[in-house]
Amino acid sequence: MIESLTGSPVLLGLTLLAGLMVVIVAVKIAIKLAVRVGIVAAVILAAYYTAGHLGVV
């Protein structure tokens, strides 16, 4: 990895492109996970509210 940073501009460009792709994939996975957790939390809160266990007026 260090050699590609000190090597030719083509290798540097490919290294940056690979790093960018890793970041994009990680963000996509994080967004999907956050949406799923949010849906589960909404369902659980709705169930608590329906059962009368929440102190919401």
PDB file of N, CA and C in Angstrom:
ATOM      1  N   MET A   1       0.830  -1.196   0.000  1.00  0.00           N
ATOM      2  CA  MET A   1       0.000   0.000   0.000  1.00  0.00           C
ATOM      3  C   MET A   1       0.871   1.255   0.000  1.00  0.00           C
ATOM      4  N   ILE A   2       1.914   1.265   0.820  1.00  0.00           N
ATOM      5  CA  ILE A   2       2.788   2.435   0.877  1.00  0.00           C
ATOM      6  C   ILE A   2       3.529   2.615  -0.453  1.00  0.00           C
ATOM      7  N   GLU A   3       3.903   1.516  -1.089  1.00  0.00           N
ATOM      8  CA  GLU A   3       4.627   1.608  -2.357  1.00  0.00           C
ATOM      9  C   GLU A   3       3.765   2.271  -3.425  1.00  0.00           C
ATOM     10  N   SER A   4       2.442   2.011  -3.391  1.00  0.00           N
ATOM     11  CA  SER A   4       1.571   2.595  -4.402  1.00  0.00           C
ATOM     12  C   SER A   4       1.430   4.109  -4.204  1.00  0.00           C
ATOM     13  N   LEU A   5       1.596   4.582  -2.983  1.00  0.00           N
ATOM     14  CA  LEU A   5       1.505   6.017  -2.736  1.00  0.00           C
ATOM     15  C   LEU A   5       2.749   6.759  -3.199  1.00  0.00           C
ATOM     16  N   THR A   6       3.881   6.073  -3.234  1.00  0.00           N
ATOM     17  CA  THR A   6       5.120   6.719  -3.663  1.00  0.00           C
ATOM     18  C   THR A   6       5.484   6.348  -5.087  1.00  0.00           C
ATOM     19  N   GLY A   7       4.661   5.531  -5.745  1.00  0.00           N
ATOM     20  CA  GLY A   7       4.950   5.077  -7.099  1.00  0.00           C
ATOM     21  C   GLY A   7       4.413   6.017  -8.153  1.00  0.00           C
ATOM     22  N   SER A   8       3.976   5.436  -9.257  1.00  0.00           N
ATOM     23  CA  SER A   8       3.532   6.225 -10.402  1.00  0.00           C
ATOM     24  C   SER A   8       2.169   6.862 -10.122  1.00  0.00           C
ATOM     25  N   PRO A   9       1.835   7.898 -10.873  1.00  0.00           N
ATOM     26  CA  PRO A   9       0.529   8.549 -10.702  1.00  0.00           C
ATOM     27  C   PRO A   9      -0.646   7.611 -11.005  1.00  0.00           C
ATOM     28  N   VAL A  10      -0.426   6.641 -11.889  1.00  0.00           N
ATOM     29  CA  VAL A  10      -1.496   5.687 -12.215  1.00  0.00           C
ATOM     30  C   VAL A  10      -1.813   4.835 -10.991  1.00  0.00           C
ATOM     31  N   LEU A  11      -0.785   4.350 -10.315  1.00  0.00           N
ATOM     32  CA  LEU A  11      -1.006   3.558  -9.106  1.00  0.00           C
ATOM     33  C   LEU A  11      -1.654   4.402  -8.008  1.00  0.00           C
ATOM     34  N   LEU A  12      -1.245   5.646  -7.910  1.00  0.00           N
ATOM     35  CA  LEU A  12      -1.842   6.540  -6.917  1.00  0.00           C
ATOM     36  C   LEU A  12      -3.322   6.746  -7.211  1.00  0.00           C
ATOM     37  N   GLY A  13      -3.647   6.945  -8.470  1.00  0.00           N
ATOM     38  CA  GLY A  13      -5.038   7.118  -8.860  1.00  0.00           C
ATOM     39  C   GLY A  13      -5.862   5.879  -8.580  1.00  0.00           C
ATOM     40  N   LEU A  14      -5.326   4.710  -8.890  1.00  0.00           N
ATOM     41  CA  LEU A  14      -6.039   3.467  -8.626  1.00  0.00           C
ATOM     42  C   LEU A  14      -6.220   3.229  -7.133  1.00  0.00           C
ATOM     43  N   THR A  15      -5.215   3.593  -6.355  1.00  0.00           N
ATOM     44  CA  THR A  15      -5.317   3.451  -4.907  1.00  0.00           C
ATOM     45  C   THR A  15      -6.409   4.362  -4.349  1.00  0.00           C
ATOM     46  N   LEU A  16      -6.444   5.599  -4.826  1.00  0.00           N
ATOM     47  CA  LEU A  16      -7.480   6.523  -4.374  1.00  0.00           C
ATOM     48  C   LEU A  16      -8.865   6.048  -4.810  1.00  0.00           C
ATOM     49  N   LEU A  17      -8.973   5.523  -6.027  1.00  0.00           N
ATOM     50  CA  LEU A  17     -10.252   5.015  -6.511  1.00  0.00           C
ATOM     51  C   LEU A  17     -10.721   3.828  -5.674  1.00  0.00           C
ATOM     52  N   ALA A  18      -9.808   2.932  -5.340  1.00  0.00           N
ATOM     53  CA  ALA A  18     -10.163   1.779  -4.513  1.00  0.00           C
ATOM     54  C   ALA A  18     -10.605   2.237  -3.119  1.00  0.00           C
ATOM     55  N   GLY A  19      -9.916   3.192  -2.551  1.00  0.00           N
ATOM     56  CA  GLY A  19     -10.296   3.723  -1.245  1.00  0.00           C
ATOM     57  C   GLY A  19     -11.663   4.386  -1.281  1.00  0.00           C
ATOM     58  N   LEU A  20     -11.936   5.118  -2.344  1.00  0.00           N
ATOM     59  CA  LEU A  20     -13.241   5.760  -2.496  1.00  0.00           C
ATOM     60  C   LEU A  20     -14.349   4.727  -2.605  1.00  0.00           C
ATOM     61  N   MET A  21     -14.115   3.670  -3.338  1.00  0.00           N
ATOM     62  CA  MET A  21     -15.114   2.609  -3.481  1.00  0.00           C
ATOM     63  C   MET A  21     -15.395   1.930  -2.138  1.00  0.00           C
ATOM     64  N   VAL A  22     -14.350   1.721  -1.350  1.00  0.00           N
ATOM     65  CA  VAL A  22     -14.528   1.116  -0.025  1.00  0.00           C
ATOM     66  C   VAL A  22     -15.394   2.025   0.853  1.00  0.00           C
ATOM     67  N   VAL A  23     -15.146   3.311   0.809  1.00  0.00           N
ATOM     68  CA  VAL A  23     -15.940   4.265   1.600  1.00  0.00           C
ATOM     69  C   VAL A  23     -17.392   4.274   1.137  1.00  0.00           C
ATOM     70  N   ILE A  24     -17.619   4.261  -0.177  1.00  0.00           N
ATOM     71  CA  ILE A  24     -18.983   4.281  -0.700  1.00  0.00           C
ATOM     72  C   ILE A  24     -19.742   3.032  -0.283  1.00  0.00           C
ATOM     73  N   VAL A  25     -19.115   1.874  -0.383  1.00  0.00           N
ATOM     74  CA  VAL A  25     -19.772   0.626   0.008  1.00  0.00           C
ATOM     75  C   VAL A  25     -20.064   0.628   1.505  1.00  0.00           C
ATOM     76  N   ALA A  26     -19.124   1.112   2.307  1.00  0.00           N
ATOM     77  CA  ALA A  26     -19.327   1.155   3.760  1.00  0.00           C
ATOM     78  C   ALA A  26     -20.488   2.079   4.118  1.00  0.00           C
ATOM     79  N   VAL A  27     -20.603   3.216   3.451  1.00  0.00           N
ATOM     80  CA  VAL A  27     -21.698   4.149   3.727  1.00  0.00           C
ATOM     81  C   VAL A  27     -23.030   3.533   3.320  1.00  0.00           C
ATOM     82  N   LYS A  28     -23.063   2.846   2.176  1.00  0.00           N
ATOM     83  CA  LYS A  28     -24.307   2.192   1.743  1.00  0.00           C
ATOM     84  C   LYS A  28     -24.756   1.152   2.764  1.00  0.00           C
ATOM     85  N   ILE A  29     -23.824   0.361   3.252  1.00  0.00           N
ATOM     86  CA  ILE A  29     -24.160  -0.661   4.245  1.00  0.00           C
ATOM     87  C   ILE A  29     -24.639  -0.001   5.539  1.00  0.00           C
ATOM     88  N   ALA A  30     -23.978   1.067   5.944  1.00  0.00           N
ATOM     89  CA  ALA A  30     -24.372   1.764   7.173  1.00  0.00           C
ATOM     90  C   ALA A  30     -25.774   2.357   7.046  1.00  0.00           C
ATOM     91  N   ILE A  31     -26.108   2.893   5.876  1.00  0.00           N
ATOM     92  CA  ILE A  31     -27.440   3.473   5.674  1.00  0.00           C
ATOM     93  C   ILE A  31     -28.497   2.377   5.729  1.00  0.00           C
ATOM     94  N   LYS A  32     -28.240   1.254   5.061  1.00  0.00           N
ATOM     95  CA  LYS A  32     -29.199   0.145   5.087  1.00  0.00           C
ATOM     96  C   LYS A  32     -29.417  -0.351   6.515  1.00  0.00           C
ATOM     97  N   LEU A  33     -28.330  -0.479   7.260  1.00  0.00           N
ATOM     98  CA  LEU A  33     -28.433  -0.946   8.639  1.00  0.00           C
ATOM     99  C   LEU A  33     -29.204   0.056   9.496  1.00  0.00           C
ATOM    100  N   ALA A  34     -28.940   1.341   9.314  1.00  0.00           N
ATOM    101  CA  ALA A  34     -29.634   2.362  10.090  1.00  0.00           C
ATOM    102  C   ALA A  34     -31.128   2.364   9.783  1.00  0.00           C
ATOM    103  N   VAL A  35     -31.504   2.178   8.521  1.00  0.00           N
ATOM    104  CA  VAL A  35     -32.916   2.139   8.162  1.00  0.00           C
ATOM    105  C   VAL A  35     -33.590   0.932   8.807  1.00  0.00           C
ATOM    106  N   ARG A  36     -32.931  -0.214   8.768  1.00  0.00           N
ATOM    107  CA  ARG A  36     -33.516  -1.419   9.368  1.00  0.00           C
ATOM    108  C   ARG A  36     -33.674  -1.267  10.877  1.00  0.00           C
ATOM    109  N   VAL A  37     -32.677  -0.708  11.533  1.00  0.00           N
ATOM    110  CA  VAL A  37     -32.771  -0.492  12.982  1.00  0.00           C
ATOM    111  C   VAL A  37     -33.880   0.493  13.295  1.00  0.00           C
ATOM    112  N   GLY A  38     -34.031   1.522  12.483  1.00  0.00           N
ATOM    113  CA  GLY A  38     -35.102   2.490  12.686  1.00  0.00           C
ATOM    114  C   GLY A  38     -36.480   1.869  12.531  1.00  0.00           C
ATOM    115  N   ILE A  39     -36.632   0.995  11.537  1.00  0.00           N
ATOM    116  CA  ILE A  39     -37.921   0.326  11.345  1.00  0.00           C
ATOM    117  C   ILE A  39     -38.239  -0.575  12.526  1.00  0.00           C
ATOM    118  N   VAL A  40     -37.256  -1.323  12.990  1.00  0.00           N
ATOM    119  CA  VAL A  40     -37.469  -2.206  14.138  1.00  0.00           C
ATOM    120  C   VAL A  40     -37.822  -1.383  15.373  1.00  0.00           C
ATOM    121  N   ALA A  41     -37.136  -0.273  15.586  1.00  0.00           N
ATOM    122  CA  ALA A  41     -37.430   0.578  16.742  1.00  0.00           C
ATOM    123  C   ALA A  41     -38.841   1.151  16.648  1.00  0.00           C
ATOM    124  N   ALA A  42     -39.257   1.555  15.454  1.00  0.00           N
ATOM    125  CA  ALA A  42     -40.609   2.093  15.280  1.00  0.00           C
ATOM    126  C   ALA A  42     -41.664   1.032  15.575  1.00  0.00           C
ATOM    127  N   VAL A  43     -41.431  -0.195  15.130  1.00  0.00           N
ATOM    128  CA  VAL A  43     -42.381  -1.273  15.385  1.00  0.00           C
ATOM    129  C   VAL A  43     -42.458  -1.569  16.878  1.00  0.00           C
ATOM    130  N   ILE A  44     -41.323  -1.603  17.543  1.00  0.00           N
ATOM    131  CA  ILE A  44     -41.308  -1.882  18.985  1.00  0.00           C
ATOM    132  C   ILE A  44     -42.013  -0.762  19.757  1.00  0.00           C
ATOM    133  N   LEU A  45     -41.732   0.492  19.394  1.00  0.00           N
ATOM    134  CA  LEU A  45     -42.406   1.612  20.071  1.00  0.00           C
ATOM    135  C   LEU A  45     -43.909   1.588  19.819  1.00  0.00           C
ATOM    136  N   ALA A  46     -44.315   1.245  18.607  1.00  0.00           N
ATOM    137  CA  ALA A  46     -45.746   1.155  18.309  1.00  0.00           C
ATOM    138  C   ALA A  46     -46.396   0.051  19.126  1.00  0.00           C
ATOM    139  N   ALA A  47     -45.688  -1.057  19.298  1.00  0.00           N
ATOM    140  CA  ALA A  47     -46.230  -2.151  20.105  1.00  0.00           C
ATOM    141  C   ALA A  47     -46.365  -1.734  21.569  1.00  0.00           C
ATOM    142  N   TYR A  48     -45.360  -1.043  22.097  1.00  0.00           N
ATOM    143  CA  TYR A  48     -45.443  -0.562  23.476  1.00  0.00           C
ATOM    144  C   TYR A  48     -46.591   0.444  23.631  1.00  0.00           C
ATOM    145  N   TYR A  49     -46.718   1.322  22.665  1.00  0.00           N
ATOM    146  CA  TYR A  49     -47.779   2.328  22.735  1.00  0.00           C
ATOM    147  C   TYR A  49     -49.155   1.664  22.694  1.00  0.00           C
ATOM    148  N   THR A  50     -49.302   0.678  21.817  1.00  0.00           N
ATOM    149  CA  THR A  50     -50.580  -0.031  21.700  1.00  0.00           C
ATOM    150  C   THR A  50     -50.894  -0.791  22.985  1.00  0.00           C
ATOM    151  N   ALA A  51     -49.890  -1.369  23.596  1.00  0.00           N
ATOM    152  CA  ALA A  51     -50.105  -2.142  24.822  1.00  0.00           C
ATOM    153  C   ALA A  51     -50.263  -1.233  26.045  1.00  0.00           C
ATOM    154  N   GLY A  52     -50.020   0.053  25.887  1.00  0.00           N
ATOM    155  CA  GLY A  52     -50.203   0.987  26.984  1.00  0.00           C
ATOM    156  C   GLY A  52     -49.029   1.060  27.931  1.00  0.00           C
ATOM    157  N   HIS A  53     -47.857   0.614  27.516  1.00  0.00           N
ATOM    158  CA  HIS A  53     -46.690   0.630  28.401  1.00  0.00           C
ATOM    159  C   HIS A  53     -45.889   1.926  28.295  1.00  0.00           C
ATOM    160  N   LEU A  54     -46.214   2.779  27.334  1.00  0.00           N
ATOM    161  CA  LEU A  54     -45.517   4.047  27.229  1.00  0.00           C
ATOM    162  C   LEU A  54     -46.282   5.109  27.994  1.00  0.00           C
ATOM    163  N   GLY A  55     -45.577   5.996  28.617  1.00  0.00           N
ATOM    164  CA  GLY A  55     -46.216   7.052  29.383  1.00  0.00           C
ATOM    165  C   GLY A  55     -46.510   8.280  28.543  1.00  0.00           C
ATOM    166  N   VAL A  56     -46.805   8.101  27.271  1.00  0.00           N
ATOM    167  CA  VAL A  56     -47.085   9.226  26.384  1.00  0.00           C
ATOM    168  C   VAL A  56     -48.548   9.606  26.507  1.00  0.00           C
ATOM    169  N   VAL A  57     -48.793  10.898  26.675  1.00  0.00           N
ATOM    170  CA  VAL A  57     -50.188  11.370  26.835  1.00  0.00           C
ATOM    171  C   VAL A  57     -50.783  11.633  25.490  1.00  0.00           C
TER     172      VAL A  57
END
